[in-house]
Amino acid sequence: MYSHYSPEQRLACRRLAMEQNARLFEQANALSRYASGLLDQPDFDSEKFLEYLQQRGKADALFRQALEHIVLLNEQFSDL
């Protein structure tokens, strides 16, 4: 792939993108842990279950986004 950026610039760009990807995974994990914690509450009821489902859905969406992002990074920077 032709690029007008130097290898060092491309590597720095990839590192930055990988850091962002790690943050996405961290956010997804935090939401997942929060959702799981809701299941352990003694006053768990239908409202808490709905909140659990919402938080779990947000976590799943972030996991998907992070996975799609890493696939794209691997495609775009396959030569590094």
N, C-alpha and C. Protein backbone atom coordinates (compact mmCIF):
# COMPACT_ATOMS: atom_id res chain seq x y z
N MET A 1 0.83 -1.17 0.00
CA MET A 1 0.00 0.00 0.00
C MET A 1 0.88 1.24 0.00
N TYR A 2 0.63 2.15 -0.90
CA TYR A 2 1.41 3.37 -1.00
C TYR A 2 0.97 4.37 0.06
N SER A 3 1.93 4.97 0.72
CA SER A 3 1.64 5.97 1.73
C SER A 3 2.69 7.06 1.69
N HIS A 4 2.27 8.29 1.87
CA HIS A 4 3.22 9.39 1.88
C HIS A 4 3.76 9.63 3.29
N TYR A 5 3.39 8.78 4.23
CA TYR A 5 3.91 8.87 5.59
C TYR A 5 5.11 7.95 5.75
N SER A 6 6.03 8.37 6.61
CA SER A 6 7.20 7.54 6.87
C SER A 6 6.80 6.33 7.69
N PRO A 7 7.61 5.28 7.69
CA PRO A 7 7.31 4.11 8.52
C PRO A 7 7.17 4.47 10.01
N GLU A 8 7.97 5.42 10.46
CA GLU A 8 7.89 5.84 11.86
C GLU A 8 6.56 6.52 12.16
N GLN A 9 6.09 7.34 11.22
CA GLN A 9 4.80 8.01 11.40
C GLN A 9 3.65 6.99 11.39
N ARG A 10 3.73 6.03 10.50
CA ARG A 10 2.69 5.00 10.44
C ARG A 10 2.68 4.15 11.71
N LEU A 11 3.86 3.85 12.23
CA LEU A 11 3.95 3.07 13.46
C LEU A 11 3.37 3.86 14.63
N ALA A 12 3.66 5.15 14.68
CA ALA A 12 3.11 6.00 15.75
C ALA A 12 1.58 6.07 15.63
N CYS A 13 1.10 6.16 14.42
CA CYS A 13 -0.34 6.20 14.19
C CYS A 13 -0.98 4.88 14.64
N ARG A 14 -0.34 3.79 14.32
CA ARG A 14 -0.87 2.47 14.74
C ARG A 14 -0.88 2.35 16.25
N ARG A 15 0.20 2.81 16.89
CA ARG A 15 0.26 2.75 18.36
C ARG A 15 -0.88 3.55 18.99
N LEU A 16 -1.13 4.74 18.46
CA LEU A 16 -2.21 5.58 18.96
C LEU A 16 -3.57 4.88 18.77
N ALA A 17 -3.76 4.30 17.62
CA ALA A 17 -5.01 3.59 17.34
C ALA A 17 -5.17 2.37 18.25
N MET A 18 -4.08 1.69 18.54
CA MET A 18 -4.14 0.53 19.43
C MET A 18 -4.45 0.96 20.87
N GLU A 19 -3.94 2.12 21.27
CA GLU A 19 -4.27 2.64 22.60
C GLU A 19 -5.77 2.95 22.69
N GLN A 20 -6.31 3.53 21.64
CA GLN A 20 -7.75 3.80 21.60
C GLN A 20 -8.54 2.49 21.66
N ASN A 21 -8.06 1.49 20.96
CA ASN A 21 -8.72 0.20 20.97
C ASN A 21 -8.71 -0.40 22.37
N ALA A 22 -7.60 -0.28 23.05
CA ALA A 22 -7.51 -0.79 24.42
C ALA A 22 -8.50 -0.07 25.33
N ARG A 23 -8.67 1.24 25.12
CA ARG A 23 -9.66 1.99 25.91
C ARG A 23 -11.08 1.49 25.63
N LEU A 24 -11.38 1.18 24.38
CA LEU A 24 -12.70 0.64 24.05
C LEU A 24 -12.95 -0.67 24.80
N PHE A 25 -11.94 -1.55 24.79
CA PHE A 25 -12.08 -2.82 25.51
C PHE A 25 -12.23 -2.59 27.02
N GLU A 26 -11.47 -1.62 27.56
CA GLU A 26 -11.58 -1.32 28.99
C GLU A 26 -12.98 -0.81 29.33
N GLN A 27 -13.52 0.07 28.49
CA GLN A 27 -14.88 0.58 28.72
C GLN A 27 -15.90 -0.55 28.65
N ALA A 28 -15.75 -1.41 27.67
CA ALA A 28 -16.67 -2.54 27.53
C ALA A 28 -16.58 -3.46 28.74
N ASN A 29 -15.37 -3.73 29.20
CA ASN A 29 -15.20 -4.57 30.38
C ASN A 29 -15.80 -3.94 31.62
N ALA A 30 -15.63 -2.63 31.78
CA ALA A 30 -16.19 -1.93 32.94
C ALA A 30 -17.72 -2.02 32.92
N LEU A 31 -18.33 -1.80 31.77
CA LEU A 31 -19.79 -1.91 31.66
C LEU A 31 -20.25 -3.34 31.94
N SER A 32 -19.51 -4.29 31.45
CA SER A 32 -19.85 -5.70 31.67
C SER A 32 -19.78 -6.06 33.15
N ARG A 33 -18.72 -5.60 33.82
CA ARG A 33 -18.58 -5.86 35.26
C ARG A 33 -19.71 -5.19 36.05
N TYR A 34 -20.04 -3.95 35.65
CA TYR A 34 -21.13 -3.25 36.32
C TYR A 34 -22.44 -4.02 36.16
N ALA A 35 -22.71 -4.45 34.94
CA ALA A 35 -23.93 -5.20 34.67
C ALA A 35 -23.95 -6.49 35.49
N SER A 36 -22.84 -7.19 35.55
CA SER A 36 -22.78 -8.43 36.32
C SER A 36 -22.99 -8.16 37.80
N GLY A 37 -22.48 -7.04 38.27
CA GLY A 37 -22.67 -6.67 39.67
C GLY A 37 -24.13 -6.44 40.02
N LEU A 38 -24.90 -5.97 39.07
CA LEU A 38 -26.33 -5.77 39.31
C LEU A 38 -27.03 -7.09 39.65
N LEU A 39 -26.55 -8.17 39.06
CA LEU A 39 -27.18 -9.48 39.30
C LEU A 39 -26.99 -9.96 40.74
N ASP A 40 -25.94 -9.44 41.40
CA ASP A 40 -25.62 -9.89 42.76
C ASP A 40 -26.27 -9.05 43.85
N GLN A 41 -27.00 -8.01 43.48
CA GLN A 41 -27.60 -7.14 44.49
C GLN A 41 -28.76 -7.84 45.18
N PRO A 42 -28.85 -7.68 46.50
CA PRO A 42 -29.91 -8.36 47.25
C PRO A 42 -31.32 -7.89 46.89
N ASP A 43 -31.44 -6.65 46.44
CA ASP A 43 -32.76 -6.12 46.08
C ASP A 43 -33.02 -6.21 44.58
N PHE A 44 -32.47 -7.23 43.95
CA PHE A 44 -32.61 -7.42 42.51
C PHE A 44 -34.09 -7.63 42.16
N ASP A 45 -34.56 -6.82 41.22
CA ASP A 45 -35.95 -6.91 40.80
C ASP A 45 -36.03 -6.71 39.29
N SER A 46 -37.24 -6.57 38.79
CA SER A 46 -37.41 -6.44 37.34
C SER A 46 -36.78 -5.15 36.79
N GLU A 47 -36.81 -4.08 37.57
CA GLU A 47 -36.18 -2.83 37.12
C GLU A 47 -34.66 -3.00 37.01
N LYS A 48 -34.09 -3.65 38.00
CA LYS A 48 -32.64 -3.90 37.97
C LYS A 48 -32.29 -4.83 36.81
N PHE A 49 -33.18 -5.78 36.54
CA PHE A 49 -32.93 -6.68 35.42
C PHE A 49 -32.94 -5.92 34.10
N LEU A 50 -33.86 -4.98 33.95
CA LEU A 50 -33.88 -4.15 32.74
C LEU A 50 -32.62 -3.31 32.63
N GLU A 51 -32.16 -2.77 33.76
CA GLU A 51 -30.91 -2.02 33.75
C GLU A 51 -29.74 -2.93 33.37
N TYR A 52 -29.75 -4.14 33.93
CA TYR A 52 -28.73 -5.13 33.57
C TYR A 52 -28.71 -5.35 32.06
N LEU A 53 -29.88 -5.58 31.47
CA LEU A 53 -29.96 -5.82 30.03
C LEU A 53 -29.45 -4.63 29.23
N GLN A 54 -29.79 -3.42 29.66
CA GLN A 54 -29.33 -2.22 28.96
C GLN A 54 -27.81 -2.08 29.04
N GLN A 55 -27.26 -2.26 30.23
CA GLN A 55 -25.81 -2.14 30.40
C GLN A 55 -25.07 -3.25 29.66
N ARG A 56 -25.64 -4.44 29.71
CA ARG A 56 -25.04 -5.57 28.99
C ARG A 56 -25.04 -5.30 27.49
N GLY A 57 -26.14 -4.72 26.99
CA GLY A 57 -26.22 -4.36 25.57
C GLY A 57 -25.19 -3.32 25.19
N LYS A 58 -25.00 -2.32 26.05
CA LYS A 58 -23.98 -1.30 25.79
C LYS A 58 -22.59 -1.92 25.76
N ALA A 59 -22.34 -2.82 26.72
CA ALA A 59 -21.04 -3.49 26.77
C ALA A 59 -20.82 -4.32 25.51
N ASP A 60 -21.83 -5.07 25.10
CA ASP A 60 -21.71 -5.88 23.90
C ASP A 60 -21.44 -5.03 22.66
N ALA A 61 -22.11 -3.88 22.59
CA ALA A 61 -21.90 -2.97 21.45
C ALA A 61 -20.46 -2.44 21.44
N LEU A 62 -19.93 -2.11 22.61
CA LEU A 62 -18.54 -1.64 22.68
C LEU A 62 -17.56 -2.75 22.33
N PHE A 63 -17.84 -3.97 22.79
CA PHE A 63 -16.98 -5.10 22.42
C PHE A 63 -16.97 -5.29 20.90
N ARG A 64 -18.15 -5.22 20.28
CA ARG A 64 -18.21 -5.35 18.81
C ARG A 64 -17.43 -4.23 18.13
N GLN A 65 -17.60 -3.01 18.63
CA GLN A 65 -16.89 -1.87 18.05
C GLN A 65 -15.38 -2.06 18.17
N ALA A 66 -14.92 -2.51 19.32
CA ALA A 66 -13.49 -2.72 19.53
C ALA A 66 -12.96 -3.83 18.62
N LEU A 67 -13.74 -4.89 18.45
CA LEU A 67 -13.31 -5.98 17.57
C LEU A 67 -13.26 -5.53 16.11
N GLU A 68 -14.26 -4.78 15.69
CA GLU A 68 -14.26 -4.25 14.31
C GLU A 68 -13.08 -3.31 14.10
N HIS A 69 -12.79 -2.52 15.12
CA HIS A 69 -11.69 -1.57 15.06
C HIS A 69 -10.35 -2.30 14.91
N ILE A 70 -10.16 -3.36 15.69
CA ILE A 70 -8.88 -4.09 15.63
C ILE A 70 -8.72 -4.79 14.28
N VAL A 71 -9.82 -5.29 13.72
CA VAL A 71 -9.75 -5.92 12.40
C VAL A 71 -9.32 -4.88 11.37
N LEU A 72 -9.92 -3.71 11.43
CA LEU A 72 -9.57 -2.63 10.51
C LEU A 72 -8.11 -2.22 10.67
N LEU A 73 -7.66 -2.12 11.90
CA LEU A 73 -6.25 -1.77 12.14
C LEU A 73 -5.32 -2.81 11.54
N ASN A 74 -5.65 -4.06 11.74
CA ASN A 74 -4.81 -5.13 11.20
C ASN A 74 -4.78 -5.10 9.67
N GLU A 75 -5.90 -4.72 9.06
CA GLU A 75 -5.93 -4.61 7.60
C GLU A 75 -5.12 -3.40 7.13
N GLN A 76 -5.31 -2.26 7.78
CA GLN A 76 -4.67 -1.03 7.36
C GLN A 76 -3.16 -1.02 7.63
N PHE A 77 -2.75 -1.72 8.65
CA PHE A 77 -1.34 -1.72 9.02
C PHE A 77 -0.72 -3.10 8.90
N SER A 78 -1.17 -3.87 7.95
CA SER A 78 -0.68 -5.25 7.79
C SER A 78 0.80 -5.30 7.44
N ASP A 79 1.31 -4.23 6.90
CA ASP A 79 2.72 -4.22 6.50
C ASP A 79 3.67 -3.82 7.62
N LEU A 80 3.15 -3.52 8.80
CA LEU A 80 4.04 -3.10 9.90
C LEU A 80 4.37 -4.26 10.81
